[in-house]
Amino acid sequence: MLDTLSSGSAAAHSRLAASWQRSARAHGLDPARPEGGQSVEARELRHRREALGAFLGVAAPRLDSLFGLIGHSGCGVLLTDAEGVVLEQRCSDGDAEVFKRWGLWAGADWSEAAEGTNGIGTCLAENRQVTIHRDQHFLARNIGMSCMDAPIYGPDGALIAALDVSSARADQTESFNCLIAAIVAQTAHQIEAAAFRAAFEGRRIVVADGGTGGNGPAALLAVDDDDIVVGATRAARRSFGLAISGGFNPLPANDLLNGDAGAGGFERAERAAVTRALARAGGNVSKAARALGIGRATLYRRMARLGIAPDGGRLSRN
């Protein structure tokens, strides 16, 4: 541990030390414990997979793509549930026995409580992306591995899984780990966005500005036919100052995106409806009136009151 803490940032040292302390004090683990890891029975594994069936279906092609990128380097891909139990794994046939021997296989429990400091368990315990390289692992029997992990959040913003790439190659460097870690994070974000879109199939998905420059998790909003936001990814919730996870209280899209709630809401809604109708009608007032179910003269009066031109723009009041 002292050798491990001799490199890297002070923040990384502190976080790693905290994980080691949890492993020893909270979980009562012995670093020298020689026996193999824990795993769940086949029946429980099946139940865990069934509980996340839709999510696993969305994640599967992304796991395949990730393995296609890194599998040739002797790495394996694992996806766990929020408790650290491996639900899916990808590895080459030639590496299968090695990964089974290391416990990097479906059904294995890689929570911190079971394995101490490790990529999967520490990622889930600290709710953040981590890389645990070789002797940074708490248990001595795991120090031959390098693990790069990223959390995945469900459509309700809650932690749902961890995505892991592990390697037991002795020549794997920390620099190479950094490259893989970036790919892992990108894939985790892709899975999260795909799961959100699948959960709100049939709704319009609006990409909000999450302030990540396209490199972070997608800030997505699900909007129904009445322009009501009915769902938001964790990144979108954070961006708009909403509850980070859990139940979502529907909000008018205009209020959320423009911060324009309060007095005048009915006028804004009426303006939006008229403007949309005119845009769909190409500025044809008669056609727009029919779409709105009102008379042409009535629409002209409303347009005048709201200051809307036939092209949907604002009329000059000078």
Protein backbone atom coordinates (compact mmCIF):
# COMPACT_ATOMS: atom_id res chain seq x y z
CA MET A 1 0.00 0.00 0.00
CA LEU A 2 2.83 2.42 0.84
CA ASP A 3 4.40 1.75 -2.54
CA THR A 4 1.06 2.35 -4.25
CA LEU A 5 0.63 5.68 -2.53
CA SER A 6 4.01 6.92 -3.70
CA SER A 7 2.60 7.97 -7.10
CA GLY A 8 -0.46 9.85 -8.34
CA SER A 9 -2.41 12.80 -6.97
CA ALA A 10 -3.13 13.50 -3.34
CA ALA A 11 -6.86 13.06 -4.05
CA ALA A 12 -6.22 9.63 -5.56
CA HIS A 13 -4.13 8.69 -2.52
CA SER A 14 -6.89 9.77 -0.17
CA ARG A 15 -9.61 7.89 -2.03
CA LEU A 16 -7.57 4.72 -2.30
CA ALA A 17 -6.66 4.89 1.38
CA ALA A 18 -10.32 5.35 2.27
CA SER A 19 -11.24 2.26 0.26
CA TRP A 20 -8.52 0.22 1.98
CA GLN A 21 -9.80 1.39 5.36
CA ARG A 22 -13.35 0.35 4.46
CA SER A 23 -12.04 -3.03 3.34
CA ALA A 24 -10.23 -3.65 6.63
CA ARG A 25 -12.47 -1.92 9.17
CA ALA A 26 -15.98 -1.93 7.75
CA HIS A 27 -15.77 -5.29 5.97
CA GLY A 28 -13.22 -7.03 8.20
CA LEU A 29 -11.19 -8.42 5.30
CA ASP A 30 -7.67 -9.82 5.61
CA PRO A 31 -5.40 -8.76 2.71
CA ALA A 32 -3.63 -12.14 2.88
CA ARG A 33 -6.84 -14.17 2.66
CA PRO A 34 -6.01 -16.93 0.19
CA GLU A 35 -9.39 -18.49 -0.51
CA GLY A 36 -11.29 -17.79 -3.70
CA GLY A 37 -14.00 -15.19 -4.18
CA GLN A 38 -17.71 -15.39 -3.53
CA SER A 39 -20.39 -16.05 -6.12
CA VAL A 40 -24.15 -16.37 -6.23
CA GLU A 41 -26.00 -19.57 -7.12
CA ALA A 42 -27.28 -20.12 -10.66
CA ARG A 43 -30.90 -19.52 -9.60
CA GLU A 44 -30.10 -16.17 -7.99
CA LEU A 45 -28.01 -15.14 -10.98
CA ARG A 46 -30.95 -15.89 -13.24
CA HIS A 47 -33.26 -13.79 -11.07
CA ARG A 48 -30.81 -10.89 -11.11
CA ARG A 49 -30.58 -11.05 -14.87
CA GLU A 50 -34.36 -11.19 -15.24
CA ALA A 51 -34.73 -8.13 -13.01
CA LEU A 52 -32.57 -6.16 -15.46
CA GLY A 53 -33.72 -7.95 -18.60
CA ALA A 54 -34.59 -4.88 -20.68
CA PHE A 55 -31.43 -3.08 -19.59
CA LEU A 56 -29.22 -6.08 -20.44
CA GLY A 57 -30.83 -6.30 -23.88
CA VAL A 58 -29.91 -2.68 -24.56
CA ALA A 59 -26.40 -3.09 -23.14
CA ALA A 60 -25.47 -6.30 -25.00
CA PRO A 61 -24.50 -4.80 -28.39
CA ARG A 62 -22.44 -2.10 -26.64
CA LEU A 63 -20.61 -4.78 -24.65
CA ASP A 64 -19.89 -6.60 -27.89
CA SER A 65 -18.54 -3.43 -29.49
CA LEU A 66 -16.35 -2.66 -26.48
CA PHE A 67 -14.94 -6.17 -26.47
CA GLY A 68 -14.26 -5.85 -30.20
CA LEU A 69 -12.03 -2.86 -29.42
CA ILE A 70 -10.06 -4.25 -26.49
CA GLY A 71 -10.44 -8.03 -26.59
CA HIS A 72 -7.32 -8.54 -28.73
CA SER A 73 -5.19 -7.09 -25.92
CA GLY A 74 -6.11 -9.84 -23.46
CA CYS A 75 -8.78 -7.81 -21.67
CA GLY A 76 -12.24 -8.96 -20.69
CA VAL A 77 -15.49 -7.00 -20.41
CA LEU A 78 -17.87 -7.42 -17.50
CA LEU A 79 -21.20 -5.84 -16.58
CA THR A 80 -22.47 -6.07 -13.01
CA ASP A 81 -25.61 -5.06 -11.20
CA ALA A 82 -25.62 -2.31 -8.56
CA GLU A 83 -24.48 -4.81 -5.91
CA GLY A 84 -21.37 -5.87 -7.82
CA VAL A 85 -22.54 -9.29 -9.04
CA VAL A 86 -21.32 -10.02 -12.58
CA LEU A 87 -24.26 -10.52 -14.93
CA GLU A 88 -22.47 -10.53 -18.29
CA GLN A 89 -18.91 -11.11 -19.42
CA ARG A 90 -17.01 -11.09 -22.69
CA CYS A 91 -13.56 -12.61 -23.17
CA SER A 92 -11.70 -14.55 -25.84
CA ASP A 93 -11.88 -18.32 -25.81
CA GLY A 94 -8.14 -18.47 -25.17
CA ASP A 95 -8.48 -16.32 -22.04
CA ALA A 96 -11.62 -17.97 -20.64
CA GLU A 97 -9.87 -20.29 -18.20
CA VAL A 98 -7.69 -17.46 -16.89
CA PHE A 99 -10.70 -15.23 -16.28
CA LYS A 100 -12.64 -18.01 -14.57
CA ARG A 101 -9.65 -18.67 -12.32
CA TRP A 102 -9.54 -14.98 -11.36
CA GLY A 103 -13.27 -14.97 -10.68
CA LEU A 104 -14.00 -12.61 -13.56
CA TRP A 105 -17.11 -14.52 -14.58
CA ALA A 106 -20.89 -14.36 -14.42
CA GLY A 107 -22.20 -14.81 -10.89
CA ALA A 108 -19.04 -13.61 -9.13
CA ASP A 109 -19.49 -11.06 -6.34
CA TRP A 110 -17.02 -8.18 -6.76
CA SER A 111 -18.50 -5.82 -4.16
CA GLU A 112 -16.04 -4.17 -1.78
CA ALA A 113 -17.55 -6.19 1.04
CA ALA A 114 -16.56 -9.39 -0.75
CA GLU A 115 -13.26 -8.46 -2.44
CA GLY A 116 -12.07 -5.26 -0.79
CA THR A 117 -10.67 -2.49 -2.96
CA ASN A 118 -11.23 -3.45 -6.61
CA GLY A 119 -12.46 -1.78 -9.77
CA ILE A 120 -16.08 -2.92 -9.66
CA GLY A 121 -16.66 -2.72 -5.91
CA THR A 122 -14.93 0.63 -5.42
CA CYS A 123 -16.68 2.12 -8.46
CA LEU A 124 -20.04 1.20 -6.95
CA ALA A 125 -19.11 2.14 -3.38
CA GLU A 126 -17.88 5.59 -4.40
CA ASN A 127 -20.30 6.13 -7.29
CA ARG A 128 -17.58 7.22 -9.69
CA GLN A 129 -15.24 6.05 -12.42
CA VAL A 130 -12.14 4.29 -11.05
CA THR A 131 -9.05 2.43 -12.16
CA ILE A 132 -7.50 -0.03 -9.73
CA HIS A 133 -4.08 -1.11 -11.00
CA ARG A 134 -2.43 -4.30 -9.77
CA ASP A 135 -1.17 -3.78 -6.16
CA GLN A 136 -3.78 -1.10 -5.49
CA HIS A 137 -6.15 -4.05 -4.91
CA PHE A 138 -6.73 -4.81 -1.23
CA LEU A 139 -6.55 -8.59 -1.41
CA ALA A 140 -3.09 -9.92 -2.26
CA ARG A 141 -4.53 -12.58 -4.56
CA ASN A 142 -5.97 -9.85 -6.82
CA ILE A 143 -2.82 -7.78 -7.32
CA GLY A 144 -2.10 -9.30 -10.72
CA MET A 145 -5.10 -7.52 -12.24
CA SER A 146 -5.84 -4.09 -13.64
CA CYS A 147 -9.49 -3.01 -13.57
CA MET A 148 -11.07 0.01 -15.28
CA ASP A 149 -14.66 0.76 -14.27
CA ALA A 150 -17.45 3.27 -14.78
CA PRO A 151 -20.89 3.49 -13.16
CA ILE A 152 -24.07 3.34 -15.23
CA TYR A 153 -27.25 5.12 -14.15
CA GLY A 154 -30.76 3.97 -15.00
CA PRO A 155 -33.59 6.00 -16.57
CA ASP A 156 -34.56 7.19 -13.06
CA GLY A 157 -31.05 8.50 -12.36
CA ALA A 158 -30.24 5.77 -9.83
CA LEU A 159 -27.09 3.67 -9.99
CA ILE A 160 -27.97 0.50 -11.87
CA ALA A 161 -24.71 -1.16 -12.94
CA ALA A 162 -20.94 -1.02 -13.29
CA LEU A 163 -19.07 -1.53 -16.55
CA ASP A 164 -15.67 -3.16 -16.14
CA VAL A 165 -12.68 -3.96 -18.31
CA SER A 166 -10.17 -6.19 -16.54
CA SER A 167 -6.78 -7.53 -17.53
CA ALA A 168 -4.43 -9.96 -15.81
CA ARG A 169 -1.52 -9.21 -18.13
CA ALA A 170 1.70 -8.53 -16.26
CA ASP A 171 2.88 -6.05 -18.88
CA GLN A 172 -0.22 -3.84 -18.77
CA THR A 173 0.86 -0.28 -17.99
CA GLU A 174 -0.99 2.50 -16.21
CA SER A 175 -0.78 4.59 -19.39
CA PHE A 176 -2.59 1.90 -21.32
CA ASN A 177 -5.13 1.70 -18.49
CA CYS A 178 -5.90 5.40 -18.98
CA LEU A 179 -6.74 4.82 -22.64
CA ILE A 180 -9.00 1.89 -21.82
CA ALA A 181 -10.65 3.83 -18.99
CA ALA A 182 -11.70 6.55 -21.46
CA ILE A 183 -13.31 3.94 -23.72
CA VAL A 184 -15.06 2.33 -20.75
CA ALA A 185 -16.54 5.67 -19.67
CA GLN A 186 -17.72 6.44 -23.20
CA THR A 187 -19.38 3.03 -23.50
CA ALA A 188 -21.06 3.44 -20.10
CA HIS A 189 -22.52 6.75 -21.26
CA GLN A 190 -23.76 5.13 -24.48
CA ILE A 191 -25.47 2.33 -22.56
CA GLU A 192 -27.06 4.83 -20.18
CA ALA A 193 -28.43 6.94 -23.06
CA ALA A 194 -29.71 3.88 -24.95
CA ALA A 195 -31.45 2.56 -21.84
CA PHE A 196 -33.13 5.94 -21.28
CA ARG A 197 -34.36 6.09 -24.88
CA ALA A 198 -35.71 2.55 -24.61
CA ALA A 199 -37.51 3.33 -21.34
CA PHE A 200 -39.24 6.31 -22.96
CA GLU A 201 -39.91 4.77 -26.35
CA GLY A 202 -42.50 6.81 -28.22
CA ARG A 203 -41.59 10.05 -26.43
CA ARG A 204 -39.59 12.83 -27.99
CA ILE A 205 -36.04 12.85 -26.68
CA VAL A 206 -34.52 16.30 -26.27
CA VAL A 207 -30.76 16.63 -25.88
CA ALA A 208 -30.14 19.37 -23.33
CA ASP A 209 -26.87 21.18 -22.76
CA GLY A 210 -25.14 19.24 -20.01
CA GLY A 211 -22.01 21.38 -20.14
CA THR A 212 -19.76 18.38 -20.83
CA GLY A 213 -18.66 19.30 -24.33
CA GLY A 214 -19.95 15.96 -25.62
CA ASN A 215 -17.49 13.96 -23.53
CA GLY A 216 -19.67 13.26 -20.51
CA PRO A 217 -22.99 11.52 -19.93
CA ALA A 218 -25.86 12.66 -22.14
CA ALA A 219 -28.30 15.16 -20.66
CA LEU A 220 -31.54 13.82 -22.13
CA LEU A 221 -35.16 14.78 -21.53
CA ALA A 222 -38.21 12.73 -22.48
CA VAL A 223 -41.09 14.95 -23.63
CA ASP A 224 -44.70 13.81 -24.28
CA ASP A 225 -47.17 15.07 -26.88
CA ASP A 226 -48.32 17.88 -24.58
CA ASP A 227 -44.76 19.24 -24.28
CA ILE A 228 -44.47 17.93 -20.74
CA VAL A 229 -41.10 16.59 -19.61
CA VAL A 230 -41.80 13.16 -18.14
CA GLY A 231 -38.25 11.90 -17.61
CA ALA A 232 -34.64 13.04 -17.41
CA THR A 233 -31.26 11.35 -17.25
CA ARG A 234 -29.06 11.86 -14.21
CA ALA A 235 -26.92 14.37 -16.14
CA ALA A 236 -30.02 16.35 -17.16
CA ARG A 237 -31.35 16.32 -13.61
CA ARG A 238 -28.06 17.70 -12.36
CA SER A 239 -27.96 20.31 -15.12
CA PHE A 240 -31.44 21.62 -14.28
CA GLY A 241 -31.13 21.39 -10.52
CA LEU A 242 -33.64 18.55 -10.14
CA ALA A 243 -33.59 15.61 -7.73
CA ILE A 244 -30.62 13.54 -8.89
CA SER A 245 -32.52 10.24 -8.85
CA GLY A 246 -35.86 8.66 -8.03
CA GLY A 247 -39.37 9.72 -9.01
CA PHE A 248 -39.79 12.52 -11.53
CA ASN A 249 -42.44 15.24 -11.26
CA PRO A 250 -43.57 16.14 -14.81
CA LEU A 251 -42.78 19.71 -15.84
CA PRO A 252 -43.69 21.86 -18.87
CA ALA A 253 -40.76 21.71 -21.29
CA ASN A 254 -40.83 25.46 -21.80
CA ASP A 255 -40.59 26.12 -18.07
CA LEU A 256 -37.70 23.73 -17.63
CA LEU A 257 -35.69 24.69 -20.72
CA ASN A 258 -36.27 28.43 -20.52
CA GLY A 259 -36.61 28.85 -16.77
CA ASP A 260 -39.84 30.69 -17.55
CA ALA A 261 -42.30 29.41 -14.95
CA GLY A 262 -44.76 31.59 -13.04
CA ALA A 263 -47.28 34.23 -14.10
CA GLY A 264 -48.33 34.36 -17.75
CA GLY A 265 -48.13 30.61 -18.24
CA PHE A 266 -51.44 30.40 -20.14
CA GLU A 267 -50.38 33.15 -22.53
CA ARG A 268 -47.06 31.42 -23.19
CA ALA A 269 -48.85 28.15 -23.83
CA GLU A 270 -51.30 29.84 -26.20
CA ARG A 271 -48.48 31.61 -28.02
CA ALA A 272 -46.60 28.32 -28.40
CA ALA A 273 -49.69 26.53 -29.75
CA VAL A 274 -50.44 29.27 -32.29
CA THR A 275 -46.82 29.53 -33.38
CA ARG A 276 -46.53 25.77 -33.88
CA ALA A 277 -49.78 25.67 -35.89
CA LEU A 278 -48.60 28.48 -38.16
CA ALA A 279 -45.22 26.84 -38.65
CA ARG A 280 -46.84 23.51 -39.59
CA ALA A 281 -49.17 25.35 -41.99
CA GLY A 282 -46.32 27.24 -43.62
CA GLY A 283 -47.82 30.56 -42.54
CA ASN A 284 -51.28 29.77 -44.01
CA VAL A 285 -53.63 31.25 -41.42
CA SER A 286 -56.72 29.42 -42.68
CA LYS A 287 -54.96 26.05 -42.53
CA ALA A 288 -53.57 26.83 -39.08
CA ALA A 289 -57.04 27.83 -37.83
CA ARG A 290 -58.52 24.54 -39.05
CA ALA A 291 -55.72 22.62 -37.27
CA LEU A 292 -56.50 24.50 -34.05
CA GLY A 293 -60.25 23.96 -34.43
CA ILE A 294 -61.11 27.65 -34.46
CA GLY A 295 -62.30 30.15 -37.06
CA ARG A 296 -59.91 32.16 -39.24
CA ALA A 297 -61.13 35.46 -37.80
CA THR A 298 -60.70 34.16 -34.25
CA LEU A 299 -57.14 33.14 -35.00
CA TYR A 300 -56.37 36.56 -36.49
CA ARG A 301 -57.67 38.22 -33.31
CA ARG A 302 -55.52 35.96 -31.12
CA MET A 303 -52.49 36.59 -33.31
CA ALA A 304 -53.02 40.33 -32.99
CA ARG A 305 -53.41 40.08 -29.21
CA LEU A 306 -50.29 37.94 -28.89
CA GLY A 307 -48.31 39.96 -31.41
CA ILE A 308 -47.68 37.00 -33.72
CA ALA A 309 -47.08 37.42 -37.47
CA PRO A 310 -48.31 34.79 -39.96
CA ASP A 311 -44.76 33.46 -40.28
CA GLY A 312 -44.72 32.77 -36.54
CA GLY A 313 -42.57 35.76 -35.68
CA ARG A 314 -43.42 38.71 -33.47
CA LEU A 315 -45.41 41.61 -34.89
CA SER A 316 -43.93 45.06 -34.38
CA ARG A 317 -45.91 47.11 -31.87
CA ASN A 318 -44.33 50.42 -32.98
